[in-house]
């Protein structure tokens, strides 16, 4: 049985803690200032209505921890097998081309769902794709999510990871890092997912 209060992940923007006997996780920002809280809340407002089998379900905002102390965080669905990056680079893990094709279908379906709602993820990469117990894939970590029709609704962080940007995105990011508007397009998500799938095949 999964234990409560165990940190299962940590990055440059925050940490993830297991809760409710492994049913949910809570993402805590490393710098819970008012600006970060506002952006995280905006992220949740965009994501909470989403309901797709291949998108990690966001469950709401937490203002206090289990001890009743003030601690801001976002609660979400727990994916038992971790992230795709761990699978790709684990030499003990084997998988087939059939599984890759199945995963591609799942993830492109998730992108189509987001596109229908005028949303773009903007940071698709293996470490932001998660695996459930049955090895189905879920798109997560929407810290860069943006409403295509309203760039002011951007999420927690401004842009994605340089390695996974499309060539036009990369050029814009290098020339003018503050020019977010021209980098917002579902087409860039497709490019990033294609590169991720290629890494799944090559495992490098």
N, C-alpha and C. Protein backbone atom coordinates (compact mmCIF):
# COMPACT_ATOMS: atom_id res chain seq x y z
N UNK A 1 0.85 -1.20 0.00
CA UNK A 1 0.00 0.00 0.00
C UNK A 1 0.88 1.24 0.00
N UNK A 2 0.51 2.22 -0.85
CA UNK A 2 1.28 3.46 -0.94
C UNK A 2 1.14 4.25 0.35
N UNK A 3 2.22 4.88 0.77
CA UNK A 3 2.22 5.66 2.01
C UNK A 3 1.93 7.12 1.74
N UNK A 4 1.19 7.74 2.66
CA UNK A 4 0.90 9.16 2.56
C UNK A 4 2.14 9.99 2.90
N UNK A 5 2.21 11.18 2.31
CA UNK A 5 3.25 12.12 2.67
C UNK A 5 4.61 11.82 2.11
N UNK A 6 4.70 10.93 1.11
CA UNK A 6 5.98 10.57 0.53
C UNK A 6 6.22 11.40 -0.72
N UNK A 7 7.36 12.07 -0.78
CA UNK A 7 7.72 12.83 -1.98
C UNK A 7 8.11 11.86 -3.08
N UNK A 8 7.44 11.95 -4.23
CA UNK A 8 7.72 11.02 -5.33
C UNK A 8 8.33 11.71 -6.53
N UNK A 9 8.51 13.01 -6.45
CA UNK A 9 9.13 13.73 -7.55
C UNK A 9 9.47 15.14 -7.16
N UNK A 10 10.51 15.67 -7.79
CA UNK A 10 10.91 17.04 -7.50
C UNK A 10 11.62 17.61 -8.71
N UNK A 11 11.24 18.83 -9.08
CA UNK A 11 11.88 19.50 -10.21
C UNK A 11 12.26 20.91 -9.84
N UNK A 12 12.58 21.69 -10.88
CA UNK A 12 13.03 23.06 -10.61
C UNK A 12 11.88 23.96 -10.17
N UNK A 13 10.63 23.51 -10.41
CA UNK A 13 9.49 24.36 -10.11
C UNK A 13 8.71 23.92 -8.87
N UNK A 14 8.92 22.69 -8.42
CA UNK A 14 8.15 22.24 -7.28
C UNK A 14 8.36 20.77 -6.98
N UNK A 15 7.62 20.29 -5.99
CA UNK A 15 7.71 18.89 -5.59
C UNK A 15 6.33 18.25 -5.65
N UNK A 16 6.29 16.92 -5.75
CA UNK A 16 5.04 16.17 -5.83
C UNK A 16 5.00 15.17 -4.69
N UNK A 17 3.91 15.18 -3.95
CA UNK A 17 3.77 14.32 -2.77
C UNK A 17 2.56 13.41 -2.89
N UNK A 18 2.74 12.16 -2.51
CA UNK A 18 1.68 11.18 -2.54
C UNK A 18 0.75 11.35 -1.35
N UNK A 19 -0.57 11.25 -1.59
CA UNK A 19 -1.56 11.38 -0.52
C UNK A 19 -2.73 10.42 -0.74
N UNK A 20 -3.59 10.30 0.27
CA UNK A 20 -4.82 9.51 0.19
C UNK A 20 -4.54 8.08 -0.25
N UNK A 21 -3.55 7.46 0.39
CA UNK A 21 -3.19 6.06 0.14
C UNK A 21 -2.92 5.78 -1.34
N UNK A 22 -2.23 6.72 -1.97
CA UNK A 22 -1.82 6.51 -3.35
C UNK A 22 -2.88 6.83 -4.38
N UNK A 23 -3.98 7.46 -3.99
CA UNK A 23 -5.03 7.78 -4.95
C UNK A 23 -4.78 9.13 -5.64
N UNK A 24 -4.15 10.04 -4.94
CA UNK A 24 -3.89 11.37 -5.51
C UNK A 24 -2.47 11.80 -5.19
N UNK A 25 -2.02 12.82 -5.91
CA UNK A 25 -0.75 13.47 -5.58
C UNK A 25 -1.02 14.97 -5.45
N UNK A 26 -0.15 15.65 -4.73
CA UNK A 26 -0.26 17.10 -4.57
C UNK A 26 1.05 17.73 -5.04
N UNK A 27 0.91 18.70 -5.96
CA UNK A 27 2.08 19.42 -6.47
C UNK A 27 2.23 20.72 -5.70
N UNK A 28 3.37 20.87 -5.04
CA UNK A 28 3.65 22.08 -4.27
C UNK A 28 4.69 22.93 -4.99
N UNK A 29 4.42 24.22 -5.22
CA UNK A 29 5.44 25.08 -5.82
C UNK A 29 6.57 25.33 -4.83
N UNK A 30 7.78 25.46 -5.36
CA UNK A 30 8.93 25.72 -4.49
C UNK A 30 8.88 27.14 -3.94
N UNK A 31 8.28 28.06 -4.70
CA UNK A 31 8.18 29.46 -4.25
C UNK A 31 6.71 29.86 -4.21
N UNK A 32 6.01 29.56 -3.12
CA UNK A 32 4.56 29.81 -3.05
C UNK A 32 4.20 31.27 -2.77
N UNK A 33 4.78 32.19 -3.56
CA UNK A 33 4.43 33.61 -3.40
C UNK A 33 3.08 33.87 -4.07
N UNK A 34 2.58 35.09 -3.94
CA UNK A 34 1.24 35.40 -4.44
C UNK A 34 1.16 35.28 -5.95
N UNK A 35 2.21 35.68 -6.66
CA UNK A 35 2.19 35.58 -8.12
C UNK A 35 2.11 34.12 -8.54
N UNK A 36 2.89 33.26 -7.91
CA UNK A 36 2.86 31.84 -8.25
C UNK A 36 1.50 31.24 -7.94
N UNK A 37 0.92 31.60 -6.79
CA UNK A 37 -0.40 31.08 -6.43
C UNK A 37 -1.44 31.50 -7.47
N UNK A 38 -1.38 32.75 -7.89
CA UNK A 38 -2.34 33.25 -8.87
C UNK A 38 -2.24 32.47 -10.18
N UNK A 39 -1.01 32.23 -10.64
CA UNK A 39 -0.80 31.51 -11.89
C UNK A 39 -1.21 30.04 -11.77
N UNK A 40 -0.92 29.43 -10.62
CA UNK A 40 -1.32 28.05 -10.42
C UNK A 40 -2.84 27.93 -10.39
N UNK A 41 -3.51 28.89 -9.76
CA UNK A 41 -4.98 28.87 -9.71
C UNK A 41 -5.57 29.04 -11.10
N UNK A 42 -4.93 29.88 -11.91
CA UNK A 42 -5.38 30.05 -13.29
C UNK A 42 -5.21 28.74 -14.06
N UNK A 43 -4.10 28.06 -13.81
CA UNK A 43 -3.87 26.78 -14.45
C UNK A 43 -4.99 25.80 -14.10
N UNK A 44 -5.36 25.75 -12.83
CA UNK A 44 -6.42 24.84 -12.40
C UNK A 44 -7.77 25.21 -13.01
N UNK A 45 -8.05 26.49 -13.13
CA UNK A 45 -9.32 26.92 -13.71
C UNK A 45 -9.46 26.45 -15.15
N UNK A 46 -8.34 26.43 -15.87
CA UNK A 46 -8.35 25.95 -17.24
C UNK A 46 -8.51 24.44 -17.29
N UNK A 47 -7.84 23.73 -16.38
CA UNK A 47 -7.73 22.28 -16.48
C UNK A 47 -8.82 21.50 -15.76
N UNK A 48 -9.40 22.08 -14.73
CA UNK A 48 -10.36 21.32 -13.93
C UNK A 48 -11.54 20.78 -14.74
N UNK A 49 -12.05 21.51 -15.74
CA UNK A 49 -13.18 20.96 -16.51
C UNK A 49 -12.78 19.85 -17.47
N UNK A 50 -11.49 19.67 -17.73
CA UNK A 50 -11.05 18.68 -18.71
C UNK A 50 -11.33 17.26 -18.22
N UNK A 51 -11.82 16.44 -19.13
CA UNK A 51 -12.11 15.05 -18.78
C UNK A 51 -11.78 14.18 -19.98
N UNK A 52 -10.58 13.62 -19.96
CA UNK A 52 -10.12 12.78 -21.07
C UNK A 52 -9.28 11.64 -20.49
N UNK A 53 -9.44 10.42 -21.00
CA UNK A 53 -8.73 9.27 -20.42
C UNK A 53 -7.22 9.35 -20.52
N UNK A 54 -6.70 10.22 -21.38
CA UNK A 54 -5.25 10.32 -21.55
C UNK A 54 -4.69 11.68 -21.14
N UNK A 55 -5.41 12.35 -20.25
CA UNK A 55 -4.93 13.58 -19.63
C UNK A 55 -5.05 13.42 -18.12
N UNK A 56 -3.95 13.69 -17.41
CA UNK A 56 -3.97 13.58 -15.96
C UNK A 56 -5.05 14.50 -15.40
N UNK A 57 -5.90 13.94 -14.56
CA UNK A 57 -7.03 14.69 -14.03
C UNK A 57 -6.61 15.60 -12.89
N UNK A 58 -6.89 16.88 -13.05
CA UNK A 58 -6.66 17.85 -11.98
C UNK A 58 -7.90 17.90 -11.10
N UNK A 59 -7.68 17.84 -9.80
CA UNK A 59 -8.79 17.70 -8.86
C UNK A 59 -9.09 18.94 -8.05
N UNK A 60 -8.21 19.93 -8.07
CA UNK A 60 -8.50 21.15 -7.33
C UNK A 60 -7.28 21.72 -6.64
N UNK A 61 -7.54 22.70 -5.78
CA UNK A 61 -6.49 23.43 -5.07
C UNK A 61 -6.58 23.15 -3.58
N UNK A 62 -5.42 22.97 -2.98
CA UNK A 62 -5.34 22.78 -1.53
C UNK A 62 -4.68 24.00 -0.91
N UNK A 63 -5.29 24.52 0.13
CA UNK A 63 -4.72 25.69 0.83
C UNK A 63 -4.03 25.30 2.13
N UNK A 64 -4.38 24.12 2.67
CA UNK A 64 -3.79 23.65 3.93
C UNK A 64 -3.41 22.19 3.82
N UNK A 65 -2.38 21.80 4.57
CA UNK A 65 -1.98 20.41 4.57
C UNK A 65 -2.81 19.63 5.59
N UNK A 66 -2.50 18.34 5.76
CA UNK A 66 -3.29 17.49 6.65
C UNK A 66 -3.20 17.90 8.11
N UNK A 67 -2.18 18.66 8.46
CA UNK A 67 -2.04 19.15 9.84
C UNK A 67 -2.78 20.47 10.06
N UNK A 68 -3.41 20.98 9.01
CA UNK A 68 -4.13 22.23 9.12
C UNK A 68 -3.27 23.45 8.93
N UNK A 69 -2.01 23.24 8.60
CA UNK A 69 -1.11 24.37 8.38
C UNK A 69 -1.24 24.87 6.94
N UNK A 70 -1.06 26.17 6.78
CA UNK A 70 -1.21 26.76 5.45
C UNK A 70 -0.12 26.24 4.51
N UNK A 71 -0.54 25.64 3.42
CA UNK A 71 0.40 25.12 2.42
C UNK A 71 -0.33 24.98 1.09
N UNK A 72 0.08 25.76 0.13
CA UNK A 72 -0.61 25.80 -1.16
C UNK A 72 -0.15 24.67 -2.06
N UNK A 73 -1.10 24.02 -2.74
CA UNK A 73 -0.75 22.97 -3.67
C UNK A 73 -1.90 22.63 -4.61
N UNK A 74 -1.60 21.88 -5.66
CA UNK A 74 -2.60 21.43 -6.63
C UNK A 74 -2.73 19.92 -6.51
N UNK A 75 -3.96 19.43 -6.34
CA UNK A 75 -4.18 17.98 -6.25
C UNK A 75 -4.53 17.43 -7.62
N UNK A 76 -4.04 16.23 -7.89
CA UNK A 76 -4.29 15.61 -9.19
C UNK A 76 -4.22 14.09 -9.08
N UNK A 77 -4.63 13.46 -10.14
CA UNK A 77 -4.62 12.00 -10.24
C UNK A 77 -3.20 11.46 -10.13
N UNK A 78 -3.06 10.30 -9.48
CA UNK A 78 -1.75 9.66 -9.33
C UNK A 78 -1.55 8.65 -10.45
N UNK A 79 -0.40 8.69 -11.10
CA UNK A 79 -0.03 7.74 -12.15
C UNK A 79 1.05 6.82 -11.58
N UNK A 80 0.67 5.56 -11.39
CA UNK A 80 1.45 4.64 -10.56
C UNK A 80 2.83 4.29 -11.12
N UNK A 81 2.99 4.32 -12.43
CA UNK A 81 4.26 3.87 -13.02
C UNK A 81 5.22 4.99 -13.40
N UNK A 82 4.96 6.18 -12.88
CA UNK A 82 5.91 7.27 -13.08
C UNK A 82 5.81 7.90 -14.46
N UNK A 83 6.91 8.53 -14.89
CA UNK A 83 6.86 9.24 -16.17
C UNK A 83 7.55 8.45 -17.28
N UNK A 84 7.28 8.86 -18.50
CA UNK A 84 7.77 8.15 -19.68
C UNK A 84 9.28 8.22 -19.80
N UNK A 85 9.89 9.29 -19.37
CA UNK A 85 11.35 9.42 -19.45
C UNK A 85 12.03 8.29 -18.68
N UNK A 86 11.48 7.94 -17.51
CA UNK A 86 12.05 6.86 -16.72
C UNK A 86 11.98 5.54 -17.48
N UNK A 87 10.88 5.32 -18.19
CA UNK A 87 10.70 4.08 -18.95
C UNK A 87 11.67 4.02 -20.13
N UNK A 88 11.78 5.11 -20.86
CA UNK A 88 12.63 5.14 -22.05
C UNK A 88 14.08 4.82 -21.71
N UNK A 89 14.57 5.38 -20.61
CA UNK A 89 15.99 5.24 -20.29
C UNK A 89 16.29 4.18 -19.24
N UNK A 90 15.31 3.34 -18.94
CA UNK A 90 15.53 2.22 -18.02
C UNK A 90 15.91 0.99 -18.83
N UNK A 91 17.17 0.55 -18.78
CA UNK A 91 17.61 -0.59 -19.59
C UNK A 91 16.90 -1.90 -19.22
N UNK A 92 16.30 -1.95 -18.05
CA UNK A 92 15.60 -3.16 -17.63
C UNK A 92 14.17 -3.21 -18.17
N UNK A 93 13.70 -2.10 -18.69
CA UNK A 93 12.32 -2.02 -19.18
C UNK A 93 12.28 -2.32 -20.68
N UNK A 94 11.45 -3.26 -21.07
CA UNK A 94 11.28 -3.58 -22.48
C UNK A 94 9.86 -3.26 -22.91
N UNK A 95 9.72 -2.79 -24.15
CA UNK A 95 8.40 -2.54 -24.70
C UNK A 95 8.44 -2.71 -26.21
N UNK A 96 7.28 -2.86 -26.81
CA UNK A 96 7.19 -3.18 -28.23
C UNK A 96 6.78 -1.98 -29.06
N UNK A 97 6.96 -2.11 -30.38
CA UNK A 97 6.49 -1.08 -31.30
C UNK A 97 4.97 -0.96 -31.22
N UNK A 98 4.30 -2.06 -30.96
CA UNK A 98 2.85 -2.02 -30.81
C UNK A 98 2.44 -1.10 -29.67
N UNK A 99 3.18 -1.15 -28.55
CA UNK A 99 2.88 -0.28 -27.42
C UNK A 99 3.15 1.18 -27.77
N UNK A 100 4.21 1.44 -28.53
CA UNK A 100 4.52 2.81 -28.95
C UNK A 100 3.39 3.36 -29.82
N UNK A 101 2.91 2.55 -30.77
CA UNK A 101 1.83 2.99 -31.65
C UNK A 101 0.54 3.23 -30.86
N UNK A 102 0.29 2.36 -29.89
CA UNK A 102 -0.88 2.55 -29.04
C UNK A 102 -0.76 3.85 -28.24
N UNK A 103 0.43 4.09 -27.69
CA UNK A 103 0.67 5.31 -26.94
C UNK A 103 0.53 6.55 -27.81
N UNK A 104 1.03 6.45 -29.06
CA UNK A 104 0.91 7.58 -29.98
C UNK A 104 -0.56 7.92 -30.22
N UNK A 105 -1.38 6.89 -30.42
CA UNK A 105 -2.80 7.09 -30.65
C UNK A 105 -3.45 7.77 -29.44
N UNK A 106 -3.10 7.32 -28.25
CA UNK A 106 -3.65 7.90 -27.02
C UNK A 106 -3.29 9.38 -26.89
N UNK A 107 -2.02 9.69 -27.13
CA UNK A 107 -1.54 11.05 -26.90
C UNK A 107 -2.02 12.02 -27.98
N UNK A 108 -2.07 11.56 -29.23
CA UNK A 108 -2.60 12.44 -30.28
C UNK A 108 -4.09 12.69 -30.07
N UNK A 109 -4.79 11.70 -29.52
CA UNK A 109 -6.20 11.90 -29.19
C UNK A 109 -6.34 12.96 -28.10
N UNK A 110 -5.43 12.93 -27.13
CA UNK A 110 -5.44 13.95 -26.06
C UNK A 110 -5.16 15.33 -26.64
N UNK A 111 -4.23 15.43 -27.59
CA UNK A 111 -3.93 16.73 -28.21
C UNK A 111 -5.13 17.24 -29.00
N UNK A 112 -5.83 16.34 -29.69
CA UNK A 112 -7.01 16.75 -30.44
C UNK A 112 -8.08 17.30 -29.50
N UNK A 113 -8.21 16.65 -28.35
CA UNK A 113 -9.17 17.09 -27.33
C UNK A 113 -8.82 18.50 -26.84
N UNK A 114 -7.54 18.74 -26.58
CA UNK A 114 -7.11 20.07 -26.15
C UNK A 114 -7.34 21.11 -27.24
N UNK A 115 -7.01 20.75 -28.48
CA UNK A 115 -7.16 21.68 -29.59
C UNK A 115 -8.62 22.09 -29.79
N UNK A 116 -9.54 21.14 -29.61
CA UNK A 116 -10.97 21.45 -29.73
C UNK A 116 -11.40 22.50 -28.71
N UNK A 117 -10.67 22.57 -27.61
CA UNK A 117 -10.99 23.52 -26.54
C UNK A 117 -10.06 24.73 -26.55
N UNK A 118 -9.38 24.91 -27.69
CA UNK A 118 -8.50 26.06 -27.90
C UNK A 118 -7.36 26.11 -26.88
N UNK A 119 -6.87 24.96 -26.49
CA UNK A 119 -5.76 24.88 -25.53
C UNK A 119 -4.52 24.30 -26.20
N UNK A 120 -3.38 24.81 -25.82
CA UNK A 120 -2.11 24.23 -26.26
C UNK A 120 -1.24 23.97 -25.03
N UNK A 121 -0.61 22.81 -25.00
CA UNK A 121 0.14 22.37 -23.82
C UNK A 121 1.45 23.12 -23.67
N UNK A 122 2.24 23.18 -24.73
CA UNK A 122 3.47 23.97 -24.84
C UNK A 122 4.70 23.38 -24.13
N UNK A 123 4.57 22.22 -23.53
CA UNK A 123 5.77 21.62 -22.91
C UNK A 123 5.69 20.10 -22.95
N UNK A 124 5.38 19.55 -24.11
CA UNK A 124 5.30 18.10 -24.25
C UNK A 124 6.70 17.51 -24.36
N UNK A 125 6.98 16.56 -23.50
CA UNK A 125 8.25 15.85 -23.47
C UNK A 125 8.05 14.60 -22.62
N UNK A 126 8.97 13.64 -22.67
CA UNK A 126 8.77 12.38 -21.93
C UNK A 126 8.53 12.55 -20.44
N UNK A 127 9.18 13.51 -19.81
CA UNK A 127 9.01 13.67 -18.36
C UNK A 127 7.66 14.28 -17.99
N UNK A 128 6.89 14.75 -18.99
CA UNK A 128 5.55 15.28 -18.73
C UNK A 128 4.44 14.35 -19.22
N UNK A 129 4.82 13.12 -19.53
CA UNK A 129 3.87 12.08 -19.91
C UNK A 129 3.97 10.98 -18.87
N UNK A 130 2.82 10.52 -18.36
CA UNK A 130 2.82 9.61 -17.21
C UNK A 130 2.10 8.31 -17.54
N UNK A 131 2.47 7.27 -16.78
CA UNK A 131 1.94 5.93 -17.03
C UNK A 131 1.08 5.46 -15.86
N UNK A 132 -0.09 4.93 -16.22
CA UNK A 132 -0.93 4.30 -15.22
C UNK A 132 -0.48 2.86 -15.00
N UNK A 133 -1.12 2.17 -14.06
CA UNK A 133 -0.76 0.79 -13.73
C UNK A 133 -0.82 -0.12 -14.95
N UNK A 134 -1.79 0.13 -15.86
CA UNK A 134 -1.95 -0.71 -17.06
C UNK A 134 -1.08 -0.25 -18.23
N UNK A 135 -0.16 0.68 -17.97
CA UNK A 135 0.77 1.23 -18.97
C UNK A 135 0.10 2.14 -19.99
N UNK A 136 -1.13 2.54 -19.75
CA UNK A 136 -1.72 3.58 -20.60
C UNK A 136 -1.02 4.90 -20.29
N UNK A 137 -1.02 5.80 -21.26
CA UNK A 137 -0.28 7.05 -21.14
C UNK A 137 -1.22 8.23 -20.89
N UNK A 138 -0.72 9.18 -20.10
CA UNK A 138 -1.50 10.38 -19.79
C UNK A 138 -0.60 11.61 -19.89
N UNK A 139 -1.13 12.61 -20.54
CA UNK A 139 -0.42 13.88 -20.67
C UNK A 139 -0.63 14.69 -19.39
N UNK A 140 0.47 15.18 -18.82
CA UNK A 140 0.37 15.92 -17.57
C UNK A 140 1.26 17.15 -17.53
N UNK A 141 1.38 17.72 -16.34
CA UNK A 141 2.20 18.91 -16.10
C UNK A 141 1.86 20.04 -17.06
N UNK A 142 0.74 20.67 -16.81
CA UNK A 142 0.24 21.73 -17.68
C UNK A 142 0.67 23.12 -17.22
N UNK A 143 1.86 23.23 -16.67
CA UNK A 143 2.33 24.51 -16.19
C UNK A 143 2.48 25.57 -17.26
N UNK A 144 2.60 25.15 -18.54
CA UNK A 144 2.76 26.12 -19.63
C UNK A 144 1.49 26.26 -20.46
N UNK A 145 0.41 25.61 -20.06
CA UNK A 145 -0.81 25.58 -20.87
C UNK A 145 -1.30 26.99 -21.18
N UNK A 146 -1.79 27.16 -22.41
CA UNK A 146 -2.27 28.47 -22.84
C UNK A 146 -3.53 28.32 -23.67
N UNK A 147 -4.46 29.23 -23.46
CA UNK A 147 -5.61 29.35 -24.35
C UNK A 147 -5.13 30.01 -25.64
N UNK A 148 -5.28 29.33 -26.76
CA UNK A 148 -4.78 29.86 -28.03
C UNK A 148 -5.43 31.20 -28.34
N UNK A 149 -6.70 31.36 -28.00
CA UNK A 149 -7.41 32.59 -28.33
C UNK A 149 -7.16 33.71 -27.33
N UNK A 150 -6.44 33.40 -26.25
CA UNK A 150 -6.24 34.42 -25.21
C UNK A 150 -4.90 34.17 -24.53
N UNK A 151 -3.85 34.79 -25.03
CA UNK A 151 -2.51 34.53 -24.49
C UNK A 151 -2.36 35.00 -23.06
N UNK A 152 -3.29 35.82 -22.55
CA UNK A 152 -3.19 36.28 -21.17
C UNK A 152 -3.56 35.18 -20.19
N UNK A 153 -4.11 34.06 -20.71
CA UNK A 153 -4.52 32.96 -19.83
C UNK A 153 -3.44 31.91 -19.69
N UNK A 154 -2.21 32.28 -19.94
CA UNK A 154 -1.13 31.32 -19.85
C UNK A 154 -0.99 30.80 -18.43
N UNK A 155 -0.37 29.62 -18.33
CA UNK A 155 -0.28 28.97 -17.03
C UNK A 155 0.91 29.43 -16.23
N UNK A 156 1.48 28.51 -15.47
CA UNK A 156 2.46 28.87 -14.47
C UNK A 156 3.76 29.42 -15.06
N UNK A 157 4.21 28.84 -16.17
CA UNK A 157 5.50 29.24 -16.71
C UNK A 157 5.35 29.63 -18.17
N UNK A 158 6.30 30.40 -18.70
CA UNK A 158 6.10 31.07 -19.97
C UNK A 158 6.22 30.17 -21.19
N UNK A 159 7.13 29.22 -21.18
CA UNK A 159 7.31 28.43 -22.40
C UNK A 159 7.87 27.06 -22.05
N UNK A 160 8.00 26.22 -23.08
CA UNK A 160 8.42 24.85 -22.84
C UNK A 160 9.93 24.68 -22.81
N UNK A 161 10.35 23.45 -23.04
CA UNK A 161 11.76 23.07 -22.98
C UNK A 161 12.39 23.22 -24.37
N UNK A 162 13.52 23.91 -24.45
CA UNK A 162 14.12 24.22 -25.74
C UNK A 162 14.31 22.99 -26.63
N UNK A 163 14.73 21.89 -26.05
CA UNK A 163 15.01 20.69 -26.84
C UNK A 163 13.78 20.22 -27.63
N UNK A 164 12.60 20.46 -27.11
CA UNK A 164 11.38 19.94 -27.72
C UNK A 164 10.58 21.00 -28.47
N UNK A 165 11.12 22.21 -28.62
CA UNK A 165 10.45 23.24 -29.40
C UNK A 165 10.60 22.95 -30.89
N UNK A 166 9.58 23.30 -31.65
CA UNK A 166 9.68 23.22 -33.11
C UNK A 166 10.73 24.22 -33.58
N UNK A 167 11.31 24.01 -34.78
CA UNK A 167 12.33 24.96 -35.26
C UNK A 167 11.90 26.43 -35.24
N UNK A 168 10.66 26.78 -35.68
CA UNK A 168 10.26 28.20 -35.58
C UNK A 168 10.20 28.68 -34.13
N UNK A 169 9.67 27.83 -33.24
CA UNK A 169 9.63 28.19 -31.82
C UNK A 169 11.03 28.43 -31.29
N UNK A 170 11.94 27.53 -31.64
CA UNK A 170 13.31 27.61 -31.13
C UNK A 170 13.96 28.93 -31.58
N UNK A 171 13.78 29.26 -32.86
CA UNK A 171 14.37 30.49 -33.38
C UNK A 171 13.82 31.72 -32.67
N UNK A 172 12.50 31.74 -32.46
CA UNK A 172 11.88 32.88 -31.78
C UNK A 172 12.39 32.97 -30.34
N UNK A 173 12.46 31.81 -29.66
CA UNK A 173 12.90 31.80 -28.27
C UNK A 173 14.33 32.31 -28.13
N UNK A 174 15.18 31.99 -29.11
CA UNK A 174 16.57 32.44 -29.06
C UNK A 174 16.70 33.92 -29.41
N UNK A 175 15.89 34.38 -30.40
CA UNK A 175 15.99 35.77 -30.85
C UNK A 175 15.30 36.73 -29.89
N UNK A 176 14.11 36.34 -29.42
CA UNK A 176 13.32 37.23 -28.57
C UNK A 176 12.58 36.40 -27.52
N UNK A 177 13.23 36.09 -26.40
CA UNK A 177 12.64 35.21 -25.38
C UNK A 177 11.32 35.71 -24.81
N UNK A 178 11.03 36.99 -24.95
CA UNK A 178 9.79 37.54 -24.39
C UNK A 178 8.62 37.52 -25.37
N UNK A 179 8.86 37.05 -26.59
CA UNK A 179 7.80 37.04 -27.60
C UNK A 179 7.03 35.73 -27.52
N UNK A 180 6.14 35.62 -26.51
CA UNK A 180 5.37 34.40 -26.32
C UNK A 180 4.28 34.22 -27.36
N UNK A 181 3.67 35.32 -27.80
CA UNK A 181 2.48 35.23 -28.63
C UNK A 181 2.72 34.41 -29.91
N UNK A 182 3.85 34.62 -30.58
CA UNK A 182 4.11 33.93 -31.84
C UNK A 182 4.43 32.46 -31.65
N UNK A 183 4.68 32.03 -30.41
CA UNK A 183 5.03 30.63 -30.17
C UNK A 183 3.82 29.78 -29.79
N UNK A 184 2.62 30.38 -29.73
CA UNK A 184 1.44 29.66 -29.27
C UNK A 184 0.72 29.04 -30.46
N UNK A 185 0.78 27.72 -30.60
CA UNK A 185 0.10 27.02 -31.69
C UNK A 185 0.02 25.53 -31.38
N UNK A 186 -1.12 24.89 -31.64
CA UNK A 186 -1.23 23.44 -31.46
C UNK A 186 -0.25 22.68 -32.34
N UNK A 187 0.17 23.29 -33.46
CA UNK A 187 1.12 22.63 -34.35
C UNK A 187 2.44 22.34 -33.63
N UNK A 188 2.82 23.22 -32.73
CA UNK A 188 4.06 23.01 -31.99
C UNK A 188 3.94 21.83 -31.04
N UNK A 189 2.74 21.62 -30.47
CA UNK A 189 2.51 20.44 -29.63
C UNK A 189 2.70 19.16 -30.44
N UNK A 190 2.22 19.18 -31.68
CA UNK A 190 2.34 18.00 -32.54
C UNK A 190 3.82 17.69 -32.81
N UNK A 191 4.59 18.74 -33.08
CA UNK A 191 6.03 18.55 -33.31
C UNK A 191 6.70 17.95 -32.07
N UNK A 192 6.38 18.50 -30.91
CA UNK A 192 7.00 18.04 -29.66
C UNK A 192 6.64 16.59 -29.39
N UNK A 193 5.39 16.22 -29.66
CA UNK A 193 4.98 14.83 -29.44
C UNK A 193 5.67 13.90 -30.43
N UNK A 194 5.81 14.36 -31.68
CA UNK A 194 6.52 13.55 -32.67
C UNK A 194 7.95 13.27 -32.25
N UNK A 195 8.62 14.29 -31.71
CA UNK A 195 10.00 14.10 -31.23
C UNK A 195 10.03 13.14 -30.04
N UNK A 196 9.04 13.25 -29.17
CA UNK A 196 8.94 12.34 -28.02
C UNK A 196 8.77 10.90 -28.49
N UNK A 197 7.92 10.68 -29.48
CA UNK A 197 7.70 9.33 -30.00
C UNK A 197 8.98 8.78 -30.64
N UNK A 198 9.73 9.65 -31.31
CA UNK A 198 11.00 9.23 -31.90
C UNK A 198 11.98 8.79 -30.81
N UNK A 199 11.98 9.50 -29.72
CA UNK A 199 12.83 9.09 -28.58
C UNK A 199 12.37 7.75 -28.01
N UNK A 200 11.09 7.50 -28.01
CA UNK A 200 10.59 6.20 -27.55
C UNK A 200 11.13 5.06 -28.43
N UNK A 201 11.23 5.33 -29.73
CA UNK A 201 11.74 4.32 -30.65
C UNK A 201 13.24 4.13 -30.48
N UNK A 202 13.98 5.22 -30.46
CA UNK A 202 15.45 5.15 -30.38
C UNK A 202 15.95 4.83 -28.99
N UNK A 203 15.18 5.26 -27.97
CA UNK A 203 15.57 5.12 -26.56
C UNK A 203 16.89 5.84 -26.30
N UNK A 204 16.98 7.06 -26.80
CA UNK A 204 18.17 7.88 -26.56
C UNK A 204 17.83 9.34 -26.72
